[in-house]
């Protein structure tokens, strides 16, 4: 099982480190990541393996959302199945 994690907001030091730290703390492995800073705005997309996540998915989502609020960025976590269903023609 995988998840798509997006982060958007004003660029600050440590955004990638904090998000990846939250993932590592619960056993979520980051498979792929891309990030950009455009005119001071931070944008990141992560693809993560949640198979070994030690907490329920909803708790993982809530922890990343809360961490994003602390940093002043918007973090959105979507299960791969939902992501694929939304983009299926």
N, C-alpha and C. Protein backbone atom coordinates (compact mmCIF):
# COMPACT_ATOMS: atom_id res chain seq x y z
N UNK A 1 0.85 -1.18 0.00
CA UNK A 1 0.00 0.00 0.00
C UNK A 1 0.89 1.24 0.00
N UNK A 2 0.45 2.22 -0.74
CA UNK A 2 1.21 3.46 -0.85
C UNK A 2 0.32 4.66 -0.59
N UNK A 3 0.96 5.80 -0.38
CA UNK A 3 0.24 7.05 -0.18
C UNK A 3 0.96 8.15 -0.95
N UNK A 4 0.19 9.15 -1.34
CA UNK A 4 0.74 10.35 -1.98
C UNK A 4 0.64 11.47 -0.96
N UNK A 5 1.77 12.11 -0.69
CA UNK A 5 1.83 13.20 0.29
C UNK A 5 2.23 14.46 -0.45
N UNK A 6 1.43 15.51 -0.32
CA UNK A 6 1.79 16.79 -0.93
C UNK A 6 1.95 17.83 0.16
N UNK A 7 2.89 18.74 -0.07
CA UNK A 7 3.15 19.84 0.87
C UNK A 7 3.25 21.12 0.06
N UNK A 8 2.47 22.12 0.45
CA UNK A 8 2.48 23.42 -0.22
C UNK A 8 2.51 24.54 0.81
N UNK A 9 3.28 25.56 0.54
CA UNK A 9 3.29 26.71 1.44
C UNK A 9 4.54 27.55 1.27
N UNK A 10 4.65 28.55 2.12
CA UNK A 10 5.81 29.44 2.10
C UNK A 10 7.05 28.64 2.49
N UNK A 11 8.13 28.83 1.74
CA UNK A 11 9.36 28.08 1.99
C UNK A 11 9.95 28.42 3.36
N UNK A 12 10.35 27.38 4.07
CA UNK A 12 11.01 27.51 5.37
C UNK A 12 12.09 26.44 5.47
N UNK A 13 13.04 26.63 6.33
CA UNK A 13 14.08 25.63 6.57
C UNK A 13 13.48 24.41 7.26
N UNK A 14 13.80 23.21 6.76
CA UNK A 14 13.46 21.98 7.45
C UNK A 14 12.13 21.34 7.11
N UNK A 15 11.43 21.81 6.10
CA UNK A 15 10.13 21.22 5.78
C UNK A 15 10.29 19.75 5.40
N UNK A 16 11.19 19.47 4.47
CA UNK A 16 11.42 18.09 4.04
C UNK A 16 11.86 17.23 5.22
N UNK A 17 12.74 17.74 6.05
CA UNK A 17 13.24 16.99 7.20
C UNK A 17 12.13 16.65 8.18
N UNK A 18 11.26 17.60 8.45
CA UNK A 18 10.19 17.35 9.42
C UNK A 18 9.16 16.36 8.89
N UNK A 19 8.79 16.49 7.62
CA UNK A 19 7.81 15.57 7.04
C UNK A 19 8.40 14.17 6.97
N UNK A 20 9.63 14.06 6.49
CA UNK A 20 10.25 12.73 6.40
C UNK A 20 10.50 12.15 7.79
N UNK A 21 10.77 12.99 8.78
CA UNK A 21 10.93 12.52 10.16
C UNK A 21 9.64 11.94 10.72
N UNK A 22 8.52 12.59 10.43
CA UNK A 22 7.22 12.06 10.86
C UNK A 22 6.95 10.71 10.21
N UNK A 23 7.31 10.58 8.96
CA UNK A 23 7.14 9.31 8.25
C UNK A 23 8.00 8.22 8.89
N UNK A 24 9.26 8.52 9.09
CA UNK A 24 10.19 7.54 9.66
C UNK A 24 9.77 7.10 11.06
N UNK A 25 9.21 8.02 11.83
CA UNK A 25 8.82 7.71 13.21
C UNK A 25 7.75 6.63 13.30
N UNK A 26 6.97 6.47 12.22
CA UNK A 26 5.90 5.47 12.24
C UNK A 26 6.13 4.35 11.21
N UNK A 27 7.35 4.27 10.67
CA UNK A 27 7.69 3.18 9.77
C UNK A 27 7.26 3.35 8.33
N UNK A 28 6.96 4.57 7.93
CA UNK A 28 6.58 4.85 6.54
C UNK A 28 7.84 5.13 5.74
N UNK A 29 8.02 4.39 4.64
CA UNK A 29 9.20 4.52 3.80
C UNK A 29 8.91 5.42 2.61
N UNK A 30 9.72 6.45 2.43
CA UNK A 30 9.56 7.36 1.29
C UNK A 30 10.23 6.72 0.08
N UNK A 31 9.43 6.48 -0.95
CA UNK A 31 9.92 5.82 -2.15
C UNK A 31 10.47 6.83 -3.15
N UNK A 32 9.74 7.91 -3.30
CA UNK A 32 10.14 8.93 -4.28
C UNK A 32 9.70 10.30 -3.77
N UNK A 33 10.52 11.31 -4.06
CA UNK A 33 10.17 12.67 -3.65
C UNK A 33 10.65 13.66 -4.70
N UNK A 34 9.84 14.67 -4.92
CA UNK A 34 10.23 15.78 -5.77
C UNK A 34 9.80 17.07 -5.07
N UNK A 35 10.64 18.07 -5.18
CA UNK A 35 10.29 19.35 -4.55
C UNK A 35 10.81 20.50 -5.39
N UNK A 36 10.15 21.63 -5.25
CA UNK A 36 10.55 22.85 -5.93
C UNK A 36 10.26 24.04 -5.04
N UNK A 37 11.01 25.07 -5.23
CA UNK A 37 10.73 26.35 -4.60
C UNK A 37 10.53 27.35 -5.73
N UNK A 38 9.32 27.89 -5.82
CA UNK A 38 8.97 28.82 -6.89
C UNK A 38 8.60 30.15 -6.27
N UNK A 39 9.43 31.16 -6.48
CA UNK A 39 9.20 32.49 -5.95
C UNK A 39 8.84 32.47 -4.46
N UNK A 40 9.59 31.67 -3.69
CA UNK A 40 9.39 31.61 -2.25
C UNK A 40 8.31 30.64 -1.79
N UNK A 41 7.65 29.98 -2.73
CA UNK A 41 6.63 28.99 -2.38
C UNK A 41 7.21 27.59 -2.52
N UNK A 42 7.05 26.79 -1.47
CA UNK A 42 7.56 25.42 -1.43
C UNK A 42 6.49 24.47 -1.93
N UNK A 43 6.86 23.55 -2.82
CA UNK A 43 5.94 22.54 -3.32
C UNK A 43 6.66 21.20 -3.32
N UNK A 44 6.04 20.18 -2.72
CA UNK A 44 6.67 18.87 -2.65
C UNK A 44 5.62 17.78 -2.83
N UNK A 45 6.01 16.73 -3.54
CA UNK A 45 5.18 15.55 -3.68
C UNK A 45 6.03 14.36 -3.27
N UNK A 46 5.48 13.53 -2.38
CA UNK A 46 6.15 12.31 -1.95
C UNK A 46 5.26 11.12 -2.28
N UNK A 47 5.90 10.03 -2.65
CA UNK A 47 5.21 8.76 -2.82
C UNK A 47 5.80 7.85 -1.75
N UNK A 48 4.96 7.34 -0.86
CA UNK A 48 5.46 6.62 0.31
C UNK A 48 4.80 5.25 0.47
N UNK A 49 5.59 4.29 0.92
CA UNK A 49 5.10 2.95 1.22
C UNK A 49 4.59 2.94 2.66
N UNK A 50 3.28 2.71 2.82
CA UNK A 50 2.67 2.73 4.16
C UNK A 50 2.40 1.32 4.68
N UNK A 51 2.94 0.30 4.00
CA UNK A 51 2.70 -1.09 4.39
C UNK A 51 3.09 -1.36 5.84
N UNK A 52 4.21 -0.81 6.28
CA UNK A 52 4.72 -1.08 7.63
C UNK A 52 4.41 0.05 8.62
N UNK A 53 3.44 0.89 8.28
CA UNK A 53 3.06 1.99 9.17
C UNK A 53 2.56 1.41 10.50
N UNK A 54 3.12 1.90 11.59
CA UNK A 54 2.82 1.35 12.92
C UNK A 54 1.57 1.95 13.57
N UNK A 55 0.94 2.89 12.91
CA UNK A 55 -0.27 3.52 13.43
C UNK A 55 -1.35 3.44 12.35
N UNK A 56 -2.63 3.58 12.74
CA UNK A 56 -3.68 3.60 11.71
C UNK A 56 -3.46 4.75 10.72
N UNK A 57 -3.87 4.53 9.47
CA UNK A 57 -3.66 5.53 8.42
C UNK A 57 -4.23 6.88 8.82
N UNK A 58 -5.41 6.89 9.42
CA UNK A 58 -6.03 8.17 9.81
C UNK A 58 -5.17 8.92 10.83
N UNK A 59 -4.52 8.20 11.72
CA UNK A 59 -3.64 8.83 12.71
C UNK A 59 -2.39 9.40 12.02
N UNK A 60 -1.86 8.67 11.04
CA UNK A 60 -0.72 9.15 10.26
C UNK A 60 -1.08 10.44 9.53
N UNK A 61 -2.25 10.46 8.91
CA UNK A 61 -2.73 11.66 8.20
C UNK A 61 -2.83 12.83 9.18
N UNK A 62 -3.45 12.59 10.33
CA UNK A 62 -3.63 13.65 11.32
C UNK A 62 -2.29 14.20 11.82
N UNK A 63 -1.30 13.32 12.02
CA UNK A 63 0.00 13.78 12.53
C UNK A 63 0.72 14.63 11.50
N UNK A 64 0.63 14.25 10.22
CA UNK A 64 1.27 15.08 9.19
C UNK A 64 0.55 16.40 9.00
N UNK A 65 -0.77 16.37 9.09
CA UNK A 65 -1.55 17.61 8.98
C UNK A 65 -1.18 18.57 10.11
N UNK A 66 -1.08 18.04 11.32
CA UNK A 66 -0.72 18.86 12.48
C UNK A 66 0.69 19.41 12.35
N UNK A 67 1.62 18.60 11.89
CA UNK A 67 3.00 19.06 11.70
C UNK A 67 3.05 20.16 10.65
N UNK A 68 2.26 20.02 9.60
CA UNK A 68 2.19 21.06 8.58
C UNK A 68 1.68 22.37 9.13
N UNK A 69 0.64 22.29 9.98
CA UNK A 69 0.10 23.51 10.60
C UNK A 69 1.15 24.21 11.45
N UNK A 70 1.96 23.44 12.17
CA UNK A 70 3.03 24.02 12.99
C UNK A 70 4.04 24.77 12.13
N UNK A 71 4.29 24.23 10.92
CA UNK A 71 5.29 24.83 10.02
C UNK A 71 4.69 25.92 9.14
N UNK A 72 3.36 26.06 9.14
CA UNK A 72 2.71 27.05 8.31
C UNK A 72 2.55 26.62 6.86
N UNK A 73 2.51 25.29 6.63
CA UNK A 73 2.30 24.77 5.29
C UNK A 73 1.10 23.82 5.30
N UNK A 74 0.58 23.53 4.12
CA UNK A 74 -0.55 22.62 3.99
C UNK A 74 -0.02 21.26 3.56
N UNK A 75 -0.27 20.24 4.40
CA UNK A 75 0.12 18.87 4.07
C UNK A 75 -1.14 18.08 3.79
N UNK A 76 -1.14 17.39 2.66
CA UNK A 76 -2.29 16.56 2.28
C UNK A 76 -1.78 15.15 2.02
N UNK A 77 -2.42 14.16 2.65
CA UNK A 77 -2.04 12.76 2.48
C UNK A 77 -3.23 12.02 1.89
N UNK A 78 -2.97 11.29 0.80
CA UNK A 78 -4.04 10.56 0.14
C UNK A 78 -3.58 9.12 -0.12
N UNK A 79 -4.42 8.16 0.25
CA UNK A 79 -4.13 6.77 -0.02
C UNK A 79 -4.05 6.57 -1.53
N UNK A 80 -3.13 5.74 -1.99
CA UNK A 80 -2.93 5.51 -3.41
C UNK A 80 -4.21 5.05 -4.11
N UNK A 81 -5.02 4.23 -3.45
CA UNK A 81 -6.26 3.75 -4.06
C UNK A 81 -7.20 4.90 -4.39
N UNK A 82 -7.31 5.86 -3.49
CA UNK A 82 -8.16 7.03 -3.72
C UNK A 82 -7.57 7.88 -4.85
N UNK A 83 -6.26 8.08 -4.79
CA UNK A 83 -5.59 8.85 -5.83
C UNK A 83 -5.84 8.24 -7.20
N UNK A 84 -5.66 6.93 -7.33
CA UNK A 84 -5.86 6.25 -8.61
C UNK A 84 -7.32 6.33 -9.07
N UNK A 85 -8.25 6.18 -8.13
CA UNK A 85 -9.68 6.26 -8.49
C UNK A 85 -10.05 7.64 -9.00
N UNK A 86 -9.46 8.68 -8.42
CA UNK A 86 -9.75 10.05 -8.84
C UNK A 86 -9.21 10.34 -10.24
N UNK A 87 -8.14 9.66 -10.62
CA UNK A 87 -7.48 9.96 -11.89
C UNK A 87 -7.71 8.89 -12.95
N UNK A 88 -8.66 8.02 -12.70
CA UNK A 88 -8.99 6.96 -13.66
C UNK A 88 -10.00 7.50 -14.66
N UNK A 89 -9.74 7.22 -15.90
CA UNK A 89 -10.65 7.69 -16.96
C UNK A 89 -11.74 6.68 -17.20
